[in-house]
C-alpha atoms as a PDB file:
ATOM      1  CA  MET A   1      47.501  72.666  36.219  1.00  0.00           C
ATOM      2  CA  ARG A   2      49.745  69.592  36.224  1.00  0.00           C
ATOM      3  CA  LEU A   3      51.224  70.263  32.791  1.00  0.00           C
ATOM      4  CA  THR A   4      52.205  73.809  33.755  1.00  0.00           C
ATOM      5  CA  SER A   5      53.893  72.443  36.887  1.00  0.00           C
ATOM      6  CA  LEU A   6      55.793  69.822  34.893  1.00  0.00           C
ATOM      7  CA  LEU A   7      56.952  72.388  32.347  1.00  0.00           C
ATOM      8  CA  VAL A   8      58.053  74.812  35.073  1.00  0.00           C
ATOM      9  CA  ALA A   9      60.060  72.070  36.791  1.00  0.00           C
ATOM     10  CA  LEU A  10      61.586  71.001  33.490  1.00  0.00           C
ATOM     11  CA  VAL A  11      62.628  74.547  32.577  1.00  0.00           C
ATOM     12  CA  ALA A  12      63.990  75.136  36.092  1.00  0.00           C
ATOM     13  CA  ALA A  13      66.148  72.015  35.809  1.00  0.00           C
ATOM     14  CA  VAL A  14      67.842  73.446  32.706  1.00  0.00           C
ATOM     15  CA  GLU A  15      69.571  75.970  34.959  1.00  0.00           C
ATOM     16  CA  VAL A  16      70.656  73.460  37.638  1.00  0.00           C
ATOM     17  CA  ASP A  17      72.564  70.440  36.346  1.00  0.00           C
ATOM     18  CA  ASN A  18      72.261  67.407  34.104  1.00  0.00           C
ATOM     19  CA  GLU A  19      71.092  65.162  36.947  1.00  0.00           C
ATOM     20  CA  ALA A  20      68.181  67.486  37.782  1.00  0.00           C
ATOM     21  CA  LEU A  21      67.324  67.792  34.098  1.00  0.00           C
ATOM     22  CA  ASP A  22      67.316  64.022  33.647  1.00  0.00           C
ATOM     23  CA  GLU A  23      64.975  63.624  36.621  1.00  0.00           C
ATOM     24  CA  GLU A  24      62.432  66.170  35.357  1.00  0.00           C
ATOM     25  CA  HIS A  25      62.755  64.801  31.840  1.00  0.00           C
ATOM     26  CA  ALA A  26      61.811  61.380  33.223  1.00  0.00           C
ATOM     27  CA  ASN A  27      58.865  62.864  35.138  1.00  0.00           C
ATOM     28  CA  MET A  28      57.507  64.426  31.969  1.00  0.00           C
ATOM     29  CA  GLU A  29      57.949  61.212  29.947  1.00  0.00           C
ATOM     30  CA  ALA A  30      56.195  59.229  32.706  1.00  0.00           C
ATOM     31  CA  ALA A  31      53.269  61.653  32.569  1.00  0.00           C
ATOM     32  CA  LEU A  32      53.069  61.309  28.811  1.00  0.00           C
ATOM     33  CA  ASP A  33      53.253  57.510  28.928  1.00  0.00           C
ATOM     34  CA  GLY A  34      50.801  57.145  31.818  1.00  0.00           C
ATOM     35  CA  ASP A  35      53.433  55.691  34.142  1.00  0.00           C
ATOM     36  CA  SER A  36      53.142  58.439  36.798  1.00  0.00           C
ATOM     37  CA  GLU A  37      51.051  58.096  39.966  1.00  0.00           C
ATOM     38  CA  GLU A  38      48.588  60.649  38.581  1.00  0.00           C
ATOM     39  CA  GLY A  39      48.157  58.798  35.309  1.00  0.00           C
ATOM     40  CA  ALA A  40      48.683  60.036  31.785  1.00  0.00           C
ATOM     41  CA  LEU A  41      48.341  63.668  30.762  1.00  0.00           C
ATOM     42  CA  SER A  42      45.036  64.118  28.994  1.00  0.00           C
ATOM     43  CA  ASP A  43      44.587  65.713  25.602  1.00  0.00           C
ATOM     44  CA  GLU A  44      42.544  68.413  27.351  1.00  0.00           C
ATOM     45  CA  GLU A  45      45.494  69.325  29.590  1.00  0.00           C
ATOM     46  CA  LEU A  46      47.761  69.567  26.563  1.00  0.00           C
ATOM     47  CA  ALA A  47      45.207  71.609  24.619  1.00  0.00           C
ATOM     48  CA  GLU A  48      44.929  74.215  27.372  1.00  0.00           C
ATOM     49  CA  LEU A  49      48.541  75.236  26.713  1.00  0.00           C
ATOM     50  CA  GLY A  50      48.244  74.762  22.946  1.00  0.00           C
ATOM     51  CA  ILE A  51      50.758  71.909  22.851  1.00  0.00           C
ATOM     52  CA  SER A  52      50.088  68.670  20.989  1.00  0.00           C
ATOM     53  CA  ARG A  53      51.254  65.355  22.374  1.00  0.00           C
ATOM     54  CA  GLU A  54      53.497  64.897  19.329  1.00  0.00           C
ATOM     55  CA  ASP A  55      55.086  68.355  19.762  1.00  0.00           C
ATOM     56  CA  LEU A  56      55.809  67.762  23.434  1.00  0.00           C
ATOM     57  CA  GLU A  57      57.339  64.359  22.744  1.00  0.00           C
ATOM     58  CA  SER A  58      59.498  65.986  20.065  1.00  0.00           C
ATOM     59  CA  MET A  59      60.641  68.682  22.507  1.00  0.00           C
ATOM     60  CA  LEU A  60      61.693  66.069  25.031  1.00  0.00           C
ATOM     61  CA  HIS A  61      64.021  64.500  22.478  1.00  0.00           C
ATOM     62  CA  GLN A  62      65.605  67.852  21.613  1.00  0.00           C
ATOM     63  CA  ASP A  63      67.335  70.586  23.590  1.00  0.00           C
ATOM     64  CA  VAL A  64      64.659  71.582  26.149  1.00  0.00           C
ATOM     65  CA  SER A  65      66.372  74.912  26.713  1.00  0.00           C
ATOM     66  CA  GLY A  66      65.194  75.938  23.254  1.00  0.00           C
ATOM     67  CA  GLU A  67      61.517  75.624  22.396  1.00  0.00           C
ATOM     68  CA  ILE A  68      60.206  75.256  25.970  1.00  0.00           C
ATOM     69  CA  MET A  69      62.322  78.139  27.268  1.00  0.00           C
ATOM     70  CA  ASP A  70      61.064  80.317  24.411  1.00  0.00           C
ATOM     71  CA  GLY A  71      57.511  79.593  25.493  1.00  0.00           C
ATOM     72  CA  LEU A  72      57.891  80.170  29.216  1.00  0.00           C
ATOM     73  CA  SER A  73      60.666  82.776  29.489  1.00  0.00           C
ATOM     74  CA  SER A  74      61.352  86.317  28.452  1.00  0.00           C
ATOM     75  CA  ASP A  75      64.872  87.716  28.101  1.00  0.00           C
ATOM     76  CA  LYS A  76      66.652  87.856  31.441  1.00  0.00           C
ATOM     77  CA  GLU A  77      69.209  90.445  30.499  1.00  0.00           C
ATOM     78  CA  GLY A  78      68.349  94.063  29.890  1.00  0.00           C
ATOM     79  CA  GLU A  79      69.675  97.531  30.524  1.00  0.00           C
ATOM     80  CA  ASP A  80      68.550 100.122  33.005  1.00  0.00           C
ATOM     81  CA  GLU A  81      68.131 103.745  31.972  1.00  0.00           C
ATOM     82  CA  ASP A  82      71.722 104.444  32.957  1.00  0.00           C
ATOM     83  CA  GLY A  83      72.980 101.642  30.702  1.00  0.00           C
ATOM     84  CA  SER A  84      73.817  99.292  33.570  1.00  0.00           C
ATOM     85  CA  SER A  85      73.007  95.610  33.242  1.00  0.00           C
ATOM     86  CA  LEU A  86      69.993  94.282  35.101  1.00  0.00           C
ATOM     87  CA  VAL A  87      68.415  90.871  35.460  1.00  0.00           C
ATOM     88  CA  ALA A  88      64.684  90.668  34.785  1.00  0.00           C
ATOM     89  CA  MET A  89      62.550  87.917  36.214  1.00  0.00           C
ATOM     90  CA  THR A  90      61.526  85.283  33.721  1.00  0.00           C
ATOM     91  CA  LYS A  91      58.110  83.716  33.521  1.00  0.00           C
ATOM     92  CA  ALA A  92      59.639  80.395  34.540  1.00  0.00           C
ATOM     93  CA  ASP A  93      61.190  81.974  37.646  1.00  0.00           C
ATOM     94  CA  PHE A  94      57.911  83.638  38.562  1.00  0.00           C
ATOM     95  CA  LEU A  95      55.885  80.460  38.211  1.00  0.00           C
ATOM     96  CA  ARG A  96      58.451  78.473  40.165  1.00  0.00           C
ATOM     97  CA  VAL A  97      58.454  80.923  43.089  1.00  0.00           C
ATOM     98  CA  LEU A  98      54.663  80.923  43.180  1.00  0.00           C
ATOM     99  CA  GLN A  99      54.434  77.137  43.077  1.00  0.00           C
ATOM    100  CA  GLU A 100      57.324  76.152  45.337  1.00  0.00           C
ATOM    101  CA  ASN A 101      57.560  79.019  47.817  1.00  0.00           C
ATOM    102  CA  VAL A 102      54.304  80.959  47.922  1.00  0.00           C
ATOM    103  CA  ASP A 103      51.631  78.282  47.489  1.00  0.00           C
ATOM    104  CA  THR A 104      52.136  76.596  50.859  1.00  0.00           C
ATOM    105  CA  ASN A 105      48.828  74.694  50.864  1.00  0.00           C
ATOM    106  CA  LYS A 106      49.550  73.373  47.342  1.00  0.00           C
ATOM    107  CA  ASP A 107      46.176  74.236  45.826  1.00  0.00           C
ATOM    108  CA  MET A 108      47.856  75.594  42.661  1.00  0.00           C
ATOM    109  CA  ARG A 109      47.045  79.220  43.477  1.00  0.00           C
ATOM    110  CA  ALA A 110      48.412  81.966  45.744  1.00  0.00           C
ATOM    111  CA  SER A 111      46.257  83.860  48.229  1.00  0.00           C
ATOM    112  CA  LEU A 112      47.007  87.314  49.632  1.00  0.00           C
ATOM    113  CA  ASP A 113      47.971  85.728  52.964  1.00  0.00           C
ATOM    114  CA  GLU A 114      50.393  83.364  51.228  1.00  0.00           C
ATOM    115  CA  LEU A 115      51.910  86.210  49.218  1.00  0.00           C
ATOM    116  CA  ARG A 116      52.333  88.322  52.368  1.00  0.00           C
ATOM    117  CA  ALA A 117      53.888  85.418  54.281  1.00  0.00           C
ATOM    118  CA  HIS A 118      56.433  84.869  51.506  1.00  0.00           C
ATOM    119  CA  ALA A 119      57.165  88.606  51.292  1.00  0.00           C
ATOM    120  CA  GLN A 120      57.827  88.658  55.037  1.00  0.00           C
ATOM    121  CA  ARG A 121      60.194  85.704  54.688  1.00  0.00           C
ATOM    122  CA  VAL A 122      62.076  87.591  51.955  1.00  0.00           C
ATOM    123  CA  SER A 123      62.274  90.672  54.202  1.00  0.00           C
ATOM    124  CA  ALA A 124      63.638  88.555  57.049  1.00  0.00           C
ATOM    125  CA  ALA A 125      66.251  87.048  54.718  1.00  0.00           C
ATOM    126  CA  ASP A 126      67.229  90.547  53.573  1.00  0.00           C
ATOM    127  CA  ALA A 127      67.592  91.560  57.225  1.00  0.00           C
ATOM    128  CA  GLU A 128      69.834  88.551  57.846  1.00  0.00           C
ATOM    129  CA  ALA A 129      72.059  89.613  54.957  1.00  0.00           C
ATOM    130  CA  ALA A 130      72.177  93.243  56.113  1.00  0.00           C
ATOM    131  CA  ALA A 131      73.190  92.401  59.689  1.00  0.00           C
ATOM    132  CA  ASP A 132      76.901  92.266  58.919  1.00  0.00           C
ATOM    133  CA  LEU A 133      78.059  92.152  62.527  1.00  0.00           C
ATOM    134  CA  GLU A 134      81.448  90.626  61.802  1.00  0.00           C
ATOM    135  CA  SER A 135      82.721  93.518  59.675  1.00  0.00           C
ATOM    136  CA  TRP A 136      81.294  96.172  62.043  1.00  0.00           C
ATOM    137  CA  ASP A 137      82.557  94.562  65.278  1.00  0.00           C
ATOM    138  CA  GLU A 138      85.823  96.425  65.833  1.00  0.00           C
ATOM    139  CA  ASP A 139      86.895  94.595  69.021  1.00  0.00           C
ATOM    140  CA  LYS A 140      85.792  91.192  67.654  1.00  0.00           C
ATOM    141  CA  ASP A 141      83.853  90.207  70.769  1.00  0.00           C
ATOM    142  CA  GLY A 142      80.864  88.965  68.754  1.00  0.00           C
ATOM    143  CA  LYS A 143      78.658  91.892  69.731  1.00  0.00           C
ATOM    144  CA  LEU A 144      78.202  95.497  68.660  1.00  0.00           C
ATOM    145  CA  THR A 145      78.499  98.403  71.079  1.00  0.00           C
ATOM    146  CA  GLU A 146      76.526 101.562  70.456  1.00  0.00           C
ATOM    147  CA  ALA A 147      79.769 103.372  69.616  1.00  0.00           C
ATOM    148  CA  GLU A 148      80.657 100.748  66.985  1.00  0.00           C
ATOM    149  CA  LEU A 149      77.177 100.976  65.488  1.00  0.00           C
ATOM    150  CA  LYS A 150      77.235 104.777  65.532  1.00  0.00           C
ATOM    151  CA  VAL A 151      80.317 104.814  63.307  1.00  0.00           C
ATOM    152  CA  ARG A 152      78.388 102.947  60.622  1.00  0.00           C
ATOM    153  CA  MET A 153      75.114 104.796  61.027  1.00  0.00           C
ATOM    154  CA  ASP A 154      76.723 108.235  60.963  1.00  0.00           C
ATOM    155  CA  GLU A 155      78.208 107.476  57.543  1.00  0.00           C
ATOM    156  CA  SER A 156      74.713 107.653  56.068  1.00  0.00           C
ATOM    157  CA  LEU A 157      73.921 110.920  57.853  1.00  0.00           C
ATOM    158  CA  GLN A 158      76.850 112.999  56.632  1.00  0.00           C
ATOM    159  CA  ASP A 159      74.900 114.903  53.991  1.00  0.00           C
ATOM    160  CA  MET A 160      72.030 115.856  56.314  1.00  0.00           C
ATOM    161  CA  GLU A 161      71.720 119.323  57.754  1.00  0.00           C
ATOM    162  CA  GLU A 162      72.680 119.465  61.432  1.00  0.00           C
ATOM    163  CA  THR A 163      69.203 119.504  62.987  1.00  0.00           C
ATOM    164  CA  MET A 164      68.045 116.495  60.991  1.00  0.00           C
ATOM    165  CA  ARG A 165      71.290 114.654  61.642  1.00  0.00           C
ATOM    166  CA  GLU A 166      70.958 115.153  65.389  1.00  0.00           C
ATOM    167  CA  ALA A 167      67.342 113.952  65.287  1.00  0.00           C
ATOM    168  CA  GLU A 168      68.393 110.787  63.431  1.00  0.00           C
ATOM    169  CA  GLN A 169      71.228 110.166  65.893  1.00  0.00           C
ATOM    170  CA  ASP A 170      68.787 110.512  68.787  1.00  0.00           C
ATOM    171  CA  LYS A 171      66.368 108.088  67.100  1.00  0.00           C
ATOM    172  CA  ASN A 172      69.173 105.593  66.489  1.00  0.00           C
ATOM    173  CA  HIS A 173      70.101 105.784  70.185  1.00  0.00           C
ATOM    174  CA  ARG A 174      66.542 104.950  71.230  1.00  0.00           C
ATOM    175  CA  LYS A 175      66.320 102.174  68.621  1.00  0.00           C
ATOM    176  CA  PHE A 176      69.550 100.717  70.011  1.00  0.00           C
ATOM    177  CA  LEU A 177      68.054 100.617  73.511  1.00  0.00           C
ATOM    178  CA  ALA A 178      64.861  99.000  72.179  1.00  0.00           C
ATOM    179  CA  ALA A 179      66.790  96.373  70.207  1.00  0.00           C
ATOM    180  CA  ASP A 180      69.120  95.525  73.126  1.00  0.00           C
ATOM    181  CA  LYS A 181      66.801  92.889  74.571  1.00  0.00           C
ATOM    182  CA  ASP A 182      69.153  91.596  77.275  1.00  0.00           C
ATOM    183  CA  GLY A 183      70.148  95.127  78.319  1.00  0.00           C
ATOM    184  CA  ASP A 184      73.898  94.463  78.261  1.00  0.00           C
ATOM    185  CA  GLY A 185      74.686  97.564  76.203  1.00  0.00           C
ATOM    186  CA  LYS A 186      75.643  95.540  73.128  1.00  0.00           C
ATOM    187  CA  LEU A 187      73.784  94.063  70.175  1.00  0.00           C
ATOM    188  CA  THR A 188      74.039  90.426  69.140  1.00  0.00           C
ATOM    189  CA  LYS A 189      73.504  89.548  65.481  1.00  0.00           C
ATOM    190  CA  ASP A 190      69.823  88.839  66.157  1.00  0.00           C
ATOM    191  CA  GLU A 191      69.432  92.158  67.989  1.00  0.00           C
ATOM    192  CA  LEU A 192      71.223  93.985  65.166  1.00  0.00           C
ATOM    193  CA  LYS A 193      68.639  92.571  62.742  1.00  0.00           C
ATOM    194  CA  LEU A 194      65.907  94.163  64.871  1.00  0.00           C
ATOM    195  CA  PHE A 195      67.697  97.519  64.814  1.00  0.00           C
ATOM    196  CA  LEU A 196      68.166  97.463  61.041  1.00  0.00           C
ATOM    197  CA  THR A 197      64.701  96.042  60.268  1.00  0.00           C
ATOM    198  CA  PRO A 198      62.265  97.572  62.780  1.00  0.00           C
ATOM    199  CA  GLU A 199      59.221  95.771  61.367  1.00  0.00           C
ATOM    200  CA  LEU A 200      60.603  92.599  62.982  1.00  0.00           C
ATOM    201  CA  ASP A 201      60.083  93.998  66.486  1.00  0.00           C
ATOM    202  CA  GLU A 202      57.267  96.165  67.853  1.00  0.00           C
ATOM    203  CA  ALA A 203      59.439  98.017  70.391  1.00  0.00           C
ATOM    204  CA  VAL A 204      61.957  99.112  67.754  1.00  0.00           C
ATOM    205  CA  LEU A 205      59.162  99.864  65.317  1.00  0.00           C
ATOM    206  CA  ASN A 206      57.452 102.093  67.885  1.00  0.00           C
ATOM    207  CA  VAL A 207      60.576 104.283  67.977  1.00  0.00           C
ATOM    208  CA  ASP A 208      60.404 104.736  64.200  1.00  0.00           C
ATOM    209  CA  ALA A 209      56.643 105.337  64.234  1.00  0.00           C
ATOM    210  CA  THR A 210      56.911 107.868  67.049  1.00  0.00           C
ATOM    211  CA  GLU A 211      59.492 109.875  65.111  1.00  0.00           C
ATOM    212  CA  ASP A 212      57.456 109.688  61.900  1.00  0.00           C
ATOM    213  CA  ILE A 213      54.382 110.979  63.712  1.00  0.00           C
ATOM    214  CA  LYS A 214      56.350 113.724  65.459  1.00  0.00           C
ATOM    215  CA  ALA A 215      57.475 115.125  62.093  1.00  0.00           C
ATOM    216  CA  HIS A 216      53.820 115.774  61.084  1.00  0.00           C
ATOM    217  CA  ASP A 217      52.083 116.178  64.452  1.00  0.00           C
ATOM    218  CA  LYS A 218      51.299 119.904  64.336  1.00  0.00           C
ATOM    219  CA  ASP A 219      49.408 120.083  67.635  1.00  0.00           C
ATOM    220  CA  GLY A 220      51.873 117.871  69.531  1.00  0.00           C
ATOM    221  CA  ASP A 221      49.321 115.393  70.884  1.00  0.00           C
ATOM    222  CA  GLY A 222      51.350 112.359  69.806  1.00  0.00           C
ATOM    223  CA  LYS A 223      48.784 111.297  67.194  1.00  0.00           C
ATOM    224  CA  LEU A 224      47.874 112.207  63.651  1.00  0.00           C
ATOM    225  CA  SER A 225      44.524 113.763  62.906  1.00  0.00           C
ATOM    226  CA  LYS A 226      42.954 113.273  59.515  1.00  0.00           C
ATOM    227  CA  GLU A 227      44.061 116.783  58.514  1.00  0.00           C
ATOM    228  CA  GLU A 228      47.660 116.120  59.603  1.00  0.00           C
ATOM    229  CA  TRP A 229      47.570 112.835  57.724  1.00  0.00           C
ATOM    230  CA  GLU A 230      46.365 114.441  54.500  1.00  0.00           C
ATOM    231  CA  ALA A 231      48.956 117.216  54.741  1.00  0.00           C
ATOM    232  CA  GLY A 232      51.918 114.923  55.338  1.00  0.00           C
ATOM    233  CA  PHE A 233      51.238 111.714  53.441  1.00  0.00           C
ATOM    234  CA  GLU A 234      49.717 112.617  50.097  1.00  0.00           C
ATOM    235  CA  TRP A 235      51.856 109.925  48.451  1.00  0.00           C
ATOM    236  CA  PHE A 236      50.219 107.150  50.459  1.00  0.00           C
ATOM    237  CA  GLY A 237      48.633 104.411  48.358  1.00  0.00           C
ATOM    238  CA  ALA A 238      49.131 106.119  44.988  1.00  0.00           C
ATOM    239  CA  LEU A 239      49.598 103.074  42.764  1.00  0.00           C
ATOM    240  CA  ASP A 240      49.808 103.220  38.993  1.00  0.00           C
ATOM    241  CA  PRO A 241      47.056 100.935  37.627  1.00  0.00           C
ATOM    242  CA  ALA A 242      49.456  99.276  35.170  1.00  0.00           C
ATOM    243  CA  THR A 243      52.649  98.774  37.166  1.00  0.00           C
ATOM    244  CA  GLY A 244      51.908  99.347  40.840  1.00  0.00           C
ATOM    245  CA  ASP A 245      54.382 102.236  40.990  1.00  0.00           C
ATOM    246  CA  GLU A 246      53.593 105.222  43.187  1.00  0.00           C
ATOM    247  CA  ASN A 247      53.302 107.699  40.325  1.00  0.00           C
ATOM    248  CA  ALA A 248      49.712 107.451  39.189  1.00  0.00           C
ATOM    249  CA  PRO A 249      48.153 110.661  37.795  1.00  0.00           C
ATOM    250  CA  GLU A 250      44.902 111.507  39.555  1.00  0.00           C
ATOM    251  CA  THR A 251      42.232 114.150  40.030  1.00  0.00           C
ATOM    252  CA  PRO A 252      41.682 116.080  43.284  1.00  0.00           C
ATOM    253  CA  GLU A 253      38.578 113.947  43.845  1.00  0.00           C
ATOM    254  CA  SER A 254      40.389 110.627  43.390  1.00  0.00           C
ATOM    255  CA  ARG A 255      43.231 111.854  45.602  1.00  0.00           C
ATOM    256  CA  LYS A 256      40.802 112.728  48.407  1.00  0.00           C
ATOM    257  CA  GLN A 257      39.103 109.354  48.080  1.00  0.00           C
ATOM    258  CA  ARG A 258      42.464 107.585  48.249  1.00  0.00           C
ATOM    259  CA  MET A 259      43.554 109.513  51.332  1.00  0.00           C
ATOM    260  CA  ASP A 260      40.195 108.951  53.068  1.00  0.00           C
ATOM    261  CA  GLU A 261      40.328 105.229  52.379  1.00  0.00           C
ATOM    262  CA  GLY A 262      43.918 104.988  53.614  1.00  0.00           C
ATOM    263  CA  PHE A 263      43.146 106.795  56.856  1.00  0.00           C
ATOM    264  CA  THR A 264      40.020 104.717  57.501  1.00  0.00           C
ATOM    265  CA  ASP A 265      41.921 101.491  56.875  1.00  0.00           C
ATOM    266  CA  LEU A 266      44.689 102.430  59.315  1.00  0.00           C
ATOM    267  CA  ASP A 267      42.418 103.854  62.048  1.00  0.00           C
ATOM    268  CA  LYS A 268      41.612 100.485  63.610  1.00  0.00           C
ATOM    269  CA  ASN A 269      39.920 101.848  66.758  1.00  0.00           C
ATOM    270  CA  LYS A 270      37.922 104.398  64.732  1.00  0.00           C
ATOM    271  CA  ASP A 271      38.684 107.309  67.051  1.00  0.00           C
ATOM    272  CA  GLY A 272      39.590 109.659  64.202  1.00  0.00           C
ATOM    273  CA  TYR A 273      43.323 109.611  64.937  1.00  0.00           C
ATOM    274  CA  LEU A 274      46.342 107.461  64.096  1.00  0.00           C
ATOM    275  CA  ASP A 275      48.338 106.491  67.180  1.00  0.00           C
ATOM    276  CA  VAL A 276      51.827 104.977  67.284  1.00  0.00           C
ATOM    277  CA  HIS A 277      50.611 101.397  66.971  1.00  0.00           C
ATOM    278  CA  GLU A 278      48.278 102.164  64.080  1.00  0.00           C
ATOM    279  CA  PHE A 279      50.855 104.255  62.263  1.00  0.00           C
ATOM    280  CA  GLY A 280      53.373 101.449  62.726  1.00  0.00           C
ATOM    281  CA  GLU A 281      51.711  99.765  59.743  1.00  0.00           C
ATOM    282  CA  VAL A 282      53.029 102.643  57.622  1.00  0.00           C
ATOM    283  CA  SER A 283      56.454 102.976  59.257  1.00  0.00           C
ATOM    284  CA  SER A 284      57.081  99.240  58.978  1.00  0.00           C
ATOM    285  CA  GLY A 285      56.099  99.100  55.320  1.00  0.00           C
ATOM    286  CA  ARG A 286      53.548  96.376  56.089  1.00  0.00           C
ATOM    287  CA  HIS A 287      50.616  98.387  54.757  1.00  0.00           C
ATOM    288  CA  HIS A 288      52.504  99.207  51.569  1.00  0.00           C
ATOM    289  CA  MET A 289      53.415  95.541  51.160  1.00  0.00           C
ATOM    290  CA  LYS A 290      49.781  94.504  51.555  1.00  0.00           C
ATOM    291  CA  SER A 291      48.388  97.101  49.146  1.00  0.00           C
ATOM    292  CA  THR A 292      51.059  96.375  46.519  1.00  0.00           C
ATOM    293  CA  LEU A 293      50.421  92.644  46.648  1.00  0.00           C
ATOM    294  CA  LYS A 294      46.654  93.242  46.455  1.00  0.00           C
ATOM    295  CA  HIS A 295      47.285  95.312  43.337  1.00  0.00           C
ATOM    296  CA  LEU A 296      49.313  92.499  41.781  1.00  0.00           C
ATOM    297  CA  ILE A 297      46.449  90.068  42.440  1.00  0.00           C
ATOM    298  CA  HIS A 298      44.011  92.536  40.877  1.00  0.00           C
ATOM    299  CA  LEU A 299      46.041  92.605  37.653  1.00  0.00           C
ATOM    300  CA  VAL A 300      46.032  88.849  37.030  1.00  0.00           C
ATOM    301  CA  ASP A 301      42.988  87.531  38.903  1.00  0.00           C
ATOM    302  CA  GLN A 302      40.701  86.967  35.943  1.00  0.00           C
ATOM    303  CA  ASN A 303      38.082  84.845  37.722  1.00  0.00           C
ATOM    304  CA  LYS A 304      37.943  87.306  40.663  1.00  0.00           C
ATOM    305  CA  ASP A 305      38.388  84.675  43.374  1.00  0.00           C
ATOM    306  CA  GLY A 306      41.000  86.783  45.170  1.00  0.00           C
ATOM    307  CA  HIS A 307      43.870  84.435  44.247  1.00  0.00           C
ATOM    308  CA  VAL A 308      46.612  84.162  41.634  1.00  0.00           C
ATOM    309  CA  SER A 309      46.400  80.732  40.049  1.00  0.00           C
ATOM    310  CA  LEU A 310      49.347  79.270  38.173  1.00  0.00           C
ATOM    311  CA  GLU A 311      47.301  79.429  34.990  1.00  0.00           C
ATOM    312  CA  GLU A 312      46.540  83.140  35.529  1.00  0.00           C
ATOM    313  CA  ALA A 313      50.177  83.854  36.355  1.00  0.00           C
ATOM    314  CA  GLU A 314      51.335  82.050  33.213  1.00  0.00           C
ATOM    315  CA  GLN A 315      48.811  83.827  30.984  1.00  0.00           C
ATOM    316  CA  HIS A 316      49.255  87.341  32.385  1.00  0.00           C
ATOM    317  CA  PHE A 317      52.939  87.449  33.316  1.00  0.00           C
ATOM    318  CA  GLU A 318      53.594  90.370  30.958  1.00  0.00           C
ATOM    319  CA  LYS A 319      51.250  92.536  33.063  1.00  0.00           C
ATOM    320  CA  VAL A 320      53.267  92.055  36.238  1.00  0.00           C
ATOM    321  CA  LYS A 321      56.844  91.249  35.229  1.00  0.00           C
ATOM    322  CA  ASP A 322      57.917  94.834  36.067  1.00  0.00           C
ATOM    323  CA  HIS A 323      55.603  95.186  39.060  1.00  0.00           C
ATOM    324  CA  GLU A 324      57.119  96.507  42.280  1.00  0.00           C
ATOM    325  CA  ALA A 325      55.900  93.469  44.234  1.00  0.00           C
ATOM    326  CA  VAL A 326      57.763  91.109  41.901  1.00  0.00           C
ATOM    327  CA  PHE A 327      61.089  92.907  42.293  1.00  0.00           C
ATOM    328  CA  LEU A 328      60.774  93.445  46.059  1.00  0.00           C
ATOM    329  CA  TRP A 329      59.298  90.219  47.356  1.00  0.00           C
ATOM    330  CA  LEU A 330      58.732  87.577  44.669  1.00  0.00           C
ATOM    331  CA  HIS A 331      62.236  87.350  43.245  1.00  0.00           C
ATOM    332  CA  ASP A 332      63.739  84.905  45.713  1.00  0.00           C
ATOM    333  CA  ASP A 333      63.636  81.128  45.982  1.00  0.00           C
ATOM    334  CA  LEU A 334      63.986  80.835  49.749  1.00  0.00           C
END
């Protein structure tokens, strides 16, 4: 809806600077006066959001951070359970991310593919931020040796019991070799990103998936049977219907159905086992990302077209503002 888009842009400009605010203010006035390329806003467009032409004109001649912000935003500041300050996503932020970053074909709605693509871009940006080569590079040669990396990685393993710690160190060694694409025994910044974020590279991911399978592979055949899957991954796909959190209460029957559906979805070659490549969808987090985003769509998709329209997002923001997908992947303006 054009009016929703104009309001989102206007509210967003409040947080930027006076020049941006003046520009969006002018865009809204042009739409009201009929001077925009798309013509004047119709009374029907205004009625859909419950705003009269007179009210909107009045808002534009007042402080737009007041009445409009009250309509499109919820409080940003809150407190976590431990009393620490946290920043919640506002409705305006959510609509802006959907419109500007997710909706790449500009049809005013977000598909699952568009949501996944944006989530992957956020993950890549997080990997870029995590690959802090400069502070880890002791000899300042612009690359990271395995010894330099081991110092950092071992810090996170200190509290593990010895057998587990040794297994993690062995896995990190094999991930280092997989990430070292030019085979020079050192990691560049790009190679370090692959080590820290295995879902960006199949070879590194295969090391993670192999270790994950090994931990639950009772018969040692290098694959997971359906029985091994059910015994080791009972948490898989357990999403709370309201929030998307993995804490939903369920019956034994619903649990079995969930586990069966998860196994069937992952078993692409339908041989009754999960191999390293198939299980990589779990180890990488890609399957979790997909199912969580599908759940978010389910919560707001009122016309059941498999998309999140801007209108649906605006109307049903309260249902998803605390959703895991919003905090993990839809919080950034990339």
